[in-house]
N, C-alpha and C. Protein backbone atom coordinates (compact mmCIF):
# COMPACT_ATOMS: atom_id res chain seq x y z
N MET A 1 55.46 -23.89 -37.95
CA MET A 1 55.09 -22.52 -37.72
C MET A 1 54.26 -21.99 -38.89
N ALA A 2 54.74 -22.20 -40.10
CA ALA A 2 54.00 -21.74 -41.27
C ALA A 2 52.70 -22.51 -41.42
N SER A 3 52.73 -23.78 -41.07
CA SER A 3 51.51 -24.59 -41.20
C SER A 3 50.43 -24.10 -40.25
N ASP A 4 50.81 -23.65 -39.06
CA ASP A 4 49.82 -23.10 -38.12
C ASP A 4 49.21 -21.81 -38.67
N ARG A 5 50.02 -20.99 -39.29
CA ARG A 5 49.50 -19.74 -39.84
C ARG A 5 48.57 -20.00 -41.02
N ILE A 6 48.91 -20.97 -41.84
CA ILE A 6 48.04 -21.32 -42.97
C ILE A 6 46.73 -21.88 -42.44
N PHE A 7 46.81 -22.77 -41.44
CA PHE A 7 45.61 -23.34 -40.83
C PHE A 7 44.76 -22.24 -40.21
N GLY A 8 45.39 -21.30 -39.51
CA GLY A 8 44.66 -20.19 -38.91
C GLY A 8 43.96 -19.33 -39.95
N LEU A 9 44.64 -19.11 -41.08
CA LEU A 9 44.03 -18.31 -42.15
C LEU A 9 42.84 -19.03 -42.76
N VAL A 10 42.97 -20.33 -42.99
CA VAL A 10 41.84 -21.11 -43.53
C VAL A 10 40.67 -21.09 -42.56
N CYS A 11 40.95 -21.26 -41.27
CA CYS A 11 39.89 -21.22 -40.27
C CYS A 11 39.26 -19.84 -40.19
N LEU A 12 40.06 -18.79 -40.31
CA LEU A 12 39.52 -17.43 -40.28
C LEU A 12 38.60 -17.19 -41.48
N MET A 13 39.00 -17.64 -42.65
CA MET A 13 38.14 -17.47 -43.84
C MET A 13 36.84 -18.26 -43.66
N THR A 14 36.94 -19.45 -43.08
CA THR A 14 35.73 -20.24 -42.83
C THR A 14 34.82 -19.54 -41.82
N ALA A 15 35.42 -19.00 -40.76
CA ALA A 15 34.63 -18.30 -39.74
C ALA A 15 33.95 -17.06 -40.32
N VAL A 16 34.65 -16.32 -41.16
CA VAL A 16 34.06 -15.13 -41.78
C VAL A 16 32.91 -15.54 -42.70
N ALA A 17 33.09 -16.62 -43.46
CA ALA A 17 32.01 -17.11 -44.32
C ALA A 17 30.82 -17.57 -43.49
N TYR A 18 31.09 -18.20 -42.36
CA TYR A 18 30.03 -18.66 -41.45
C TYR A 18 29.27 -17.46 -40.88
N ILE A 19 30.00 -16.42 -40.49
CA ILE A 19 29.36 -15.22 -39.97
C ILE A 19 28.53 -14.55 -41.06
N ALA A 20 29.06 -14.50 -42.28
CA ALA A 20 28.30 -13.91 -43.39
C ALA A 20 27.02 -14.70 -43.66
N ALA A 21 27.11 -16.01 -43.59
CA ALA A 21 25.91 -16.83 -43.79
C ALA A 21 24.92 -16.62 -42.64
N ALA A 22 25.43 -16.46 -41.43
CA ALA A 22 24.54 -16.26 -40.28
C ALA A 22 23.82 -14.93 -40.35
N THR A 23 24.43 -13.94 -40.97
CA THR A 23 23.75 -12.65 -41.09
C THR A 23 22.56 -12.71 -42.05
N GLN A 24 22.51 -13.74 -42.87
CA GLN A 24 21.41 -13.89 -43.83
C GLN A 24 20.18 -14.56 -43.21
N ILE A 25 20.29 -15.04 -41.99
CA ILE A 25 19.16 -15.70 -41.33
C ILE A 25 18.10 -14.64 -41.04
N GLN A 26 16.88 -14.92 -41.46
CA GLN A 26 15.77 -13.99 -41.26
C GLN A 26 15.19 -14.18 -39.87
N THR A 27 15.18 -13.12 -39.08
CA THR A 27 14.56 -13.16 -37.75
C THR A 27 13.60 -12.00 -37.63
N ASN A 28 12.70 -12.14 -36.69
CA ASN A 28 11.72 -11.10 -36.45
C ASN A 28 12.10 -10.39 -35.15
N PHE A 29 12.60 -9.17 -35.26
CA PHE A 29 13.06 -8.43 -34.09
C PHE A 29 11.94 -8.17 -33.10
N PHE A 30 10.75 -7.92 -33.60
CA PHE A 30 9.64 -7.53 -32.72
C PHE A 30 9.08 -8.70 -31.92
N SER A 31 9.25 -9.93 -32.41
CA SER A 31 8.76 -11.07 -31.65
C SER A 31 9.81 -11.62 -30.70
N GLY A 32 11.00 -11.08 -30.72
CA GLY A 32 12.05 -11.52 -29.81
C GLY A 32 12.79 -12.76 -30.26
N GLU A 33 12.67 -13.12 -31.51
CA GLU A 33 13.34 -14.31 -32.04
C GLU A 33 14.72 -13.95 -32.56
N LEU A 34 15.62 -13.56 -31.69
CA LEU A 34 16.96 -13.21 -32.12
C LEU A 34 17.94 -14.36 -31.98
N LEU A 35 17.61 -15.37 -31.17
CA LEU A 35 18.54 -16.46 -30.89
C LEU A 35 18.94 -17.26 -32.12
N PRO A 36 18.03 -17.54 -33.07
CA PRO A 36 18.48 -18.28 -34.25
C PRO A 36 19.57 -17.57 -35.04
N LYS A 37 19.66 -16.27 -34.93
CA LYS A 37 20.71 -15.52 -35.61
C LYS A 37 21.90 -15.26 -34.68
N LEU A 38 21.63 -15.03 -33.42
CA LEU A 38 22.67 -14.68 -32.46
C LEU A 38 23.61 -15.85 -32.18
N PHE A 39 23.07 -17.05 -32.03
CA PHE A 39 23.89 -18.21 -31.70
C PHE A 39 24.94 -18.49 -32.77
N PRO A 40 24.60 -18.56 -34.07
CA PRO A 40 25.65 -18.75 -35.07
C PRO A 40 26.64 -17.59 -35.14
N LEU A 41 26.18 -16.37 -34.88
CA LEU A 41 27.10 -15.24 -34.87
C LEU A 41 28.11 -15.36 -33.74
N MET A 42 27.67 -15.84 -32.58
CA MET A 42 28.59 -16.04 -31.46
C MET A 42 29.61 -17.13 -31.78
N ILE A 43 29.14 -18.24 -32.37
CA ILE A 43 30.04 -19.33 -32.73
C ILE A 43 31.07 -18.85 -33.75
N GLY A 44 30.62 -18.13 -34.76
CA GLY A 44 31.53 -17.61 -35.79
C GLY A 44 32.55 -16.63 -35.22
N THR A 45 32.12 -15.78 -34.29
CA THR A 45 33.03 -14.82 -33.68
C THR A 45 34.09 -15.52 -32.84
N ILE A 46 33.68 -16.51 -32.06
CA ILE A 46 34.65 -17.28 -31.26
C ILE A 46 35.62 -18.02 -32.18
N ALA A 47 35.12 -18.59 -33.26
CA ALA A 47 36.00 -19.28 -34.21
C ALA A 47 36.99 -18.32 -34.85
N ALA A 48 36.53 -17.12 -35.18
CA ALA A 48 37.43 -16.12 -35.77
C ALA A 48 38.51 -15.69 -34.78
N LEU A 49 38.14 -15.49 -33.53
CA LEU A 49 39.12 -15.12 -32.51
C LEU A 49 40.15 -16.23 -32.29
N CYS A 50 39.68 -17.47 -32.27
CA CYS A 50 40.61 -18.60 -32.12
C CYS A 50 41.54 -18.69 -33.33
N SER A 51 41.02 -18.43 -34.50
CA SER A 51 41.84 -18.45 -35.72
C SER A 51 42.93 -17.39 -35.66
N LEU A 52 42.56 -16.20 -35.22
CA LEU A 52 43.55 -15.14 -35.09
C LEU A 52 44.62 -15.50 -34.07
N SER A 53 44.20 -16.16 -33.00
CA SER A 53 45.16 -16.60 -31.99
C SER A 53 46.15 -17.60 -32.57
N ILE A 54 45.67 -18.52 -33.39
CA ILE A 54 46.54 -19.50 -34.02
C ILE A 54 47.49 -18.82 -35.01
N MET A 55 46.98 -17.83 -35.73
CA MET A 55 47.81 -17.15 -36.72
C MET A 55 48.92 -16.31 -36.08
N PHE A 56 48.59 -15.60 -35.00
CA PHE A 56 49.56 -14.67 -34.42
C PHE A 56 50.43 -15.27 -33.31
N LYS A 57 50.05 -16.45 -32.84
CA LYS A 57 50.86 -17.11 -31.82
C LYS A 57 50.96 -18.61 -32.15
N PRO A 58 51.64 -18.94 -33.24
CA PRO A 58 51.72 -20.35 -33.65
C PRO A 58 52.67 -21.15 -32.76
N ASP A 59 52.53 -22.45 -32.80
CA ASP A 59 53.47 -23.33 -32.11
C ASP A 59 54.82 -23.23 -32.80
N PRO A 60 55.91 -23.42 -32.05
CA PRO A 60 57.24 -23.29 -32.67
C PRO A 60 57.47 -24.29 -33.80
N ASP A 61 57.23 -25.54 -33.55
CA ASP A 61 57.42 -26.56 -34.58
C ASP A 61 56.44 -27.69 -34.32
N PRO A 62 55.31 -27.71 -35.02
CA PRO A 62 54.30 -28.72 -34.71
C PRO A 62 54.75 -30.13 -35.08
N ASP A 63 54.33 -31.08 -34.28
CA ASP A 63 54.57 -32.49 -34.58
C ASP A 63 53.36 -33.02 -35.33
N TRP A 64 53.58 -33.51 -36.55
CA TRP A 64 52.49 -34.04 -37.34
C TRP A 64 52.15 -35.44 -36.87
N PRO A 65 50.88 -35.81 -36.91
CA PRO A 65 50.49 -37.13 -36.43
C PRO A 65 51.02 -38.25 -37.33
N ILE A 66 51.07 -39.45 -36.74
CA ILE A 66 51.50 -40.63 -37.50
C ILE A 66 50.32 -41.12 -38.35
N GLY A 67 50.59 -42.08 -39.23
CA GLY A 67 49.60 -42.56 -40.19
C GLY A 67 48.30 -43.04 -39.58
N ARG A 68 48.39 -43.74 -38.45
CA ARG A 68 47.18 -44.28 -37.82
C ARG A 68 46.24 -43.17 -37.34
N THR A 69 46.82 -42.08 -36.89
CA THR A 69 46.02 -40.95 -36.43
C THR A 69 45.27 -40.30 -37.60
N TRP A 70 45.92 -40.25 -38.76
CA TRP A 70 45.25 -39.70 -39.95
C TRP A 70 44.03 -40.54 -40.32
N ILE A 71 44.14 -41.85 -40.17
CA ILE A 71 43.01 -42.73 -40.46
C ILE A 71 41.86 -42.45 -39.49
N ALA A 72 42.19 -42.28 -38.21
CA ALA A 72 41.16 -41.98 -37.21
C ALA A 72 40.49 -40.64 -37.50
N MET A 73 41.28 -39.66 -37.89
CA MET A 73 40.69 -38.35 -38.22
C MET A 73 39.83 -38.44 -39.47
N GLY A 74 40.26 -39.22 -40.46
CA GLY A 74 39.46 -39.42 -41.66
C GLY A 74 38.13 -40.09 -41.34
N LEU A 75 38.17 -41.08 -40.45
CA LEU A 75 36.94 -41.75 -40.03
C LEU A 75 36.02 -40.77 -39.32
N ALA A 76 36.57 -39.90 -38.47
CA ALA A 76 35.75 -38.91 -37.78
C ALA A 76 35.09 -37.95 -38.77
N VAL A 77 35.83 -37.52 -39.78
CA VAL A 77 35.26 -36.64 -40.80
C VAL A 77 34.15 -37.36 -41.56
N LEU A 78 34.38 -38.62 -41.91
CA LEU A 78 33.35 -39.41 -42.60
C LEU A 78 32.09 -39.55 -41.75
N VAL A 79 32.27 -39.83 -40.46
CA VAL A 79 31.12 -39.96 -39.55
C VAL A 79 30.34 -38.65 -39.51
N LEU A 80 31.04 -37.52 -39.43
CA LEU A 80 30.35 -36.24 -39.37
C LEU A 80 29.66 -35.88 -40.69
N CYS A 81 30.24 -36.30 -41.82
CA CYS A 81 29.59 -36.07 -43.12
C CYS A 81 28.30 -36.89 -43.22
N VAL A 82 28.37 -38.15 -42.83
CA VAL A 82 27.17 -39.00 -42.86
C VAL A 82 26.12 -38.45 -41.89
N TYR A 83 26.57 -37.99 -40.73
CA TYR A 83 25.67 -37.40 -39.74
C TYR A 83 24.94 -36.19 -40.33
N ALA A 84 25.69 -35.31 -40.99
CA ALA A 84 25.09 -34.11 -41.57
C ALA A 84 24.05 -34.44 -42.62
N VAL A 85 24.27 -35.53 -43.35
CA VAL A 85 23.33 -35.92 -44.39
C VAL A 85 22.10 -36.60 -43.80
N LEU A 86 22.28 -37.41 -42.76
CA LEU A 86 21.17 -38.20 -42.23
C LEU A 86 20.32 -37.47 -41.20
N ILE A 87 20.77 -36.33 -40.70
CA ILE A 87 20.00 -35.64 -39.67
C ILE A 87 18.66 -35.12 -40.20
N THR A 88 18.60 -34.74 -41.47
CA THR A 88 17.35 -34.24 -42.03
C THR A 88 16.32 -35.36 -42.24
N PRO A 89 16.68 -36.48 -42.88
CA PRO A 89 15.64 -37.49 -43.07
C PRO A 89 15.33 -38.31 -41.82
N LEU A 90 16.25 -38.41 -40.85
CA LEU A 90 16.02 -39.26 -39.68
C LEU A 90 15.73 -38.50 -38.40
N GLY A 91 15.87 -37.18 -38.41
CA GLY A 91 15.66 -36.41 -37.20
C GLY A 91 16.96 -36.26 -36.41
N PHE A 92 16.88 -35.67 -35.23
CA PHE A 92 18.07 -35.30 -34.47
C PHE A 92 18.60 -36.43 -33.59
N ILE A 93 17.75 -37.10 -32.86
CA ILE A 93 18.20 -37.99 -31.79
C ILE A 93 18.96 -39.21 -32.31
N GLY A 94 18.44 -39.92 -33.29
CA GLY A 94 19.10 -41.14 -33.77
C GLY A 94 20.48 -40.89 -34.37
N PRO A 95 20.59 -40.05 -35.40
CA PRO A 95 21.91 -39.80 -35.98
C PRO A 95 22.91 -39.19 -34.99
N THR A 96 22.42 -38.33 -34.09
CA THR A 96 23.32 -37.73 -33.10
C THR A 96 23.84 -38.78 -32.14
N ALA A 97 22.98 -39.69 -31.70
CA ALA A 97 23.42 -40.76 -30.79
C ALA A 97 24.46 -41.65 -31.45
N ILE A 98 24.24 -42.00 -32.71
CA ILE A 98 25.19 -42.87 -33.42
C ILE A 98 26.52 -42.16 -33.64
N ALA A 99 26.47 -40.92 -34.13
CA ALA A 99 27.70 -40.18 -34.39
C ALA A 99 28.48 -39.92 -33.10
N ALA A 100 27.78 -39.49 -32.06
CA ALA A 100 28.46 -39.23 -30.79
C ALA A 100 29.02 -40.52 -30.19
N GLY A 101 28.32 -41.62 -30.36
CA GLY A 101 28.81 -42.91 -29.87
C GLY A 101 30.08 -43.35 -30.59
N ILE A 102 30.09 -43.21 -31.91
CA ILE A 102 31.28 -43.59 -32.69
C ILE A 102 32.47 -42.70 -32.33
N LEU A 103 32.24 -41.41 -32.24
CA LEU A 103 33.33 -40.49 -31.89
C LEU A 103 33.81 -40.72 -30.46
N SER A 104 32.89 -41.03 -29.57
CA SER A 104 33.28 -41.34 -28.20
C SER A 104 34.10 -42.63 -28.14
N TYR A 105 33.74 -43.61 -28.96
CA TYR A 105 34.49 -44.86 -29.01
C TYR A 105 35.91 -44.61 -29.54
N GLN A 106 36.04 -43.67 -30.46
CA GLN A 106 37.38 -43.34 -30.96
C GLN A 106 38.24 -42.73 -29.86
N ILE A 107 37.64 -41.96 -28.98
CA ILE A 107 38.40 -41.34 -27.90
C ILE A 107 38.80 -42.38 -26.85
N SER A 108 37.84 -43.20 -26.46
CA SER A 108 38.10 -44.25 -25.47
C SER A 108 37.41 -45.52 -25.93
N PRO A 109 38.16 -46.48 -26.48
CA PRO A 109 37.54 -47.65 -27.10
C PRO A 109 36.93 -48.65 -26.11
N ARG A 110 35.86 -48.20 -25.48
CA ARG A 110 35.06 -49.08 -24.62
C ARG A 110 33.62 -48.94 -25.07
N VAL A 111 32.99 -50.06 -25.37
CA VAL A 111 31.67 -50.04 -26.03
C VAL A 111 30.58 -49.45 -25.14
N LYS A 112 30.42 -49.96 -23.93
CA LYS A 112 29.31 -49.51 -23.08
C LYS A 112 29.38 -48.01 -22.78
N PRO A 113 30.54 -47.46 -22.34
CA PRO A 113 30.58 -46.00 -22.13
C PRO A 113 30.34 -45.20 -23.40
N ALA A 114 30.78 -45.73 -24.55
CA ALA A 114 30.56 -45.02 -25.82
C ALA A 114 29.07 -44.95 -26.15
N ILE A 115 28.37 -46.05 -25.94
CA ILE A 115 26.92 -46.07 -26.19
C ILE A 115 26.21 -45.11 -25.24
N LEU A 116 26.58 -45.15 -23.96
CA LEU A 116 25.96 -44.26 -22.99
C LEU A 116 26.27 -42.79 -23.31
N ALA A 117 27.48 -42.50 -23.74
CA ALA A 117 27.83 -41.14 -24.10
C ALA A 117 27.04 -40.68 -25.32
N GLY A 118 26.89 -41.56 -26.31
CA GLY A 118 26.13 -41.20 -27.51
C GLY A 118 24.68 -40.90 -27.20
N VAL A 119 24.05 -41.77 -26.43
CA VAL A 119 22.64 -41.58 -26.08
C VAL A 119 22.49 -40.36 -25.17
N GLY A 120 23.38 -40.22 -24.19
CA GLY A 120 23.30 -39.09 -23.27
C GLY A 120 23.50 -37.76 -23.97
N LEU A 121 24.50 -37.69 -24.85
CA LEU A 121 24.73 -36.45 -25.60
C LEU A 121 23.56 -36.13 -26.51
N SER A 122 23.03 -37.15 -27.15
CA SER A 122 21.92 -36.93 -28.07
C SER A 122 20.70 -36.37 -27.34
N LEU A 123 20.31 -37.01 -26.25
CA LEU A 123 19.15 -36.55 -25.51
C LEU A 123 19.41 -35.21 -24.82
N GLY A 124 20.61 -35.05 -24.26
CA GLY A 124 20.95 -33.80 -23.59
C GLY A 124 20.98 -32.62 -24.54
N LEU A 125 21.59 -32.81 -25.71
CA LEU A 125 21.62 -31.73 -26.69
C LEU A 125 20.24 -31.42 -27.24
N PHE A 126 19.42 -32.45 -27.42
CA PHE A 126 18.06 -32.21 -27.89
C PHE A 126 17.29 -31.35 -26.90
N VAL A 127 17.37 -31.69 -25.62
CA VAL A 127 16.69 -30.91 -24.59
C VAL A 127 17.25 -29.49 -24.55
N LEU A 128 18.57 -29.36 -24.63
CA LEU A 128 19.19 -28.04 -24.62
C LEU A 128 18.72 -27.19 -25.80
N PHE A 129 18.80 -27.74 -27.00
CA PHE A 129 18.44 -26.97 -28.19
C PHE A 129 16.94 -26.69 -28.26
N ARG A 130 16.14 -27.69 -27.95
CA ARG A 130 14.69 -27.56 -28.12
C ARG A 130 14.04 -26.72 -27.03
N PHE A 131 14.42 -26.98 -25.79
CA PHE A 131 13.70 -26.34 -24.69
C PHE A 131 14.48 -25.18 -24.06
N ALA A 132 15.77 -25.35 -23.82
CA ALA A 132 16.53 -24.27 -23.17
C ALA A 132 16.80 -23.12 -24.14
N LEU A 133 17.17 -23.45 -25.39
CA LEU A 133 17.46 -22.39 -26.36
C LEU A 133 16.26 -22.03 -27.22
N GLY A 134 15.20 -22.82 -27.15
CA GLY A 134 13.98 -22.50 -27.87
C GLY A 134 14.04 -22.69 -29.37
N LEU A 135 14.91 -23.57 -29.84
CA LEU A 135 15.00 -23.83 -31.28
C LEU A 135 13.93 -24.86 -31.64
N GLY A 136 12.75 -24.40 -31.93
CA GLY A 136 11.60 -25.27 -32.14
C GLY A 136 11.60 -26.03 -33.45
N ASN A 137 12.54 -25.74 -34.35
CA ASN A 137 12.53 -26.43 -35.63
C ASN A 137 13.33 -27.74 -35.60
N ILE A 138 13.84 -28.14 -34.45
CA ILE A 138 14.58 -29.40 -34.34
C ILE A 138 13.57 -30.52 -34.13
N ILE A 139 13.62 -31.50 -35.01
CA ILE A 139 12.69 -32.63 -34.95
C ILE A 139 13.39 -33.79 -34.28
N ALA A 140 12.75 -34.40 -33.30
CA ALA A 140 13.36 -35.47 -32.52
C ALA A 140 13.70 -36.67 -33.38
N TYR A 141 12.71 -37.20 -34.09
CA TYR A 141 12.95 -38.37 -34.94
C TYR A 141 11.94 -38.38 -36.07
N LYS A 142 12.33 -39.02 -37.16
CA LYS A 142 11.46 -39.20 -38.32
C LYS A 142 11.63 -40.63 -38.80
N ILE A 143 10.60 -41.13 -39.42
CA ILE A 143 10.70 -42.41 -40.11
C ILE A 143 10.56 -42.08 -41.59
N PRO A 144 11.70 -42.07 -42.31
CA PRO A 144 11.66 -41.62 -43.70
C PRO A 144 11.18 -42.72 -44.64
N THR A 145 10.72 -42.31 -45.79
CA THR A 145 10.44 -43.27 -46.84
C THR A 145 11.77 -43.71 -47.43
N PRO A 146 11.84 -44.90 -48.01
CA PRO A 146 13.11 -45.33 -48.61
C PRO A 146 13.62 -44.37 -49.68
N ALA A 147 12.70 -43.74 -50.42
CA ALA A 147 13.12 -42.81 -51.47
C ALA A 147 13.81 -41.58 -50.87
N LYS A 148 13.25 -41.03 -49.78
CA LYS A 148 13.87 -39.86 -49.15
C LYS A 148 15.21 -40.22 -48.52
N LEU A 149 15.30 -41.40 -47.95
CA LEU A 149 16.57 -41.84 -47.36
C LEU A 149 17.62 -42.03 -48.45
N TRP A 150 17.22 -42.61 -49.58
CA TRP A 150 18.15 -42.79 -50.69
C TRP A 150 18.60 -41.44 -51.25
N ASP A 151 17.67 -40.48 -51.35
CA ASP A 151 18.04 -39.14 -51.81
C ASP A 151 19.09 -38.51 -50.91
N ALA A 152 18.94 -38.72 -49.60
CA ALA A 152 19.92 -38.16 -48.66
C ALA A 152 21.27 -38.85 -48.79
N ILE A 153 21.27 -40.16 -48.94
CA ILE A 153 22.52 -40.92 -49.01
C ILE A 153 23.25 -40.64 -50.31
N THR A 154 22.53 -40.38 -51.40
CA THR A 154 23.21 -40.13 -52.68
C THR A 154 24.02 -38.85 -52.67
N ILE A 155 23.79 -37.98 -51.71
CA ILE A 155 24.63 -36.78 -51.58
C ILE A 155 26.07 -37.18 -51.31
N LEU A 156 26.25 -38.29 -50.58
CA LEU A 156 27.60 -38.75 -50.24
C LEU A 156 28.30 -39.48 -51.37
N ILE A 157 27.53 -39.92 -52.37
CA ILE A 157 28.10 -40.69 -53.47
C ILE A 157 28.13 -39.79 -54.70
N PRO A 158 29.31 -39.37 -55.15
CA PRO A 158 29.39 -38.47 -56.30
C PRO A 158 28.78 -39.09 -57.56
N PHE A 159 28.08 -38.28 -58.31
CA PHE A 159 27.53 -38.63 -59.61
C PHE A 159 26.44 -39.70 -59.56
N VAL A 160 25.84 -39.95 -58.42
CA VAL A 160 24.77 -40.94 -58.34
C VAL A 160 23.48 -40.20 -58.01
N GLY A 161 22.47 -40.41 -58.81
CA GLY A 161 21.16 -39.86 -58.54
C GLY A 161 20.98 -38.39 -58.86
N HIS A 162 22.00 -37.75 -59.42
CA HIS A 162 21.86 -36.32 -59.71
C HIS A 162 22.23 -36.03 -61.13
């Protein structure tokens, strides 16, 4: 019960920080470009509401996962960290397909459906973000120089290259 409230509080602080960061996004009201600011504000608001729900209506006594589940969650966090670093030098489609494929494989360990899910999510999200939502700054793919790729990867390795 207390752990749910602590988790809810941490999530609420993260959501408030996310909303504060989203308010700093510069948009041009007269050109109608409100979506780059509105979308993160909506995500932050939903996250804050979910956090409040967790804080005020916690589970009676949560069951903590066993050791193997912690390893799977750690791998998922690592995959998402690598994804966040590689999306800038490699573009959206490649890193998204790989990350979504790995996470899909963790959910259901079958190779072919995981590959199809990764590629499908990558292409579907690209079309959604680029054309349906009009986020024109998303780059499909890039071929980086080795130096730029190394600069991106060194973010994951503490005290290397900086």
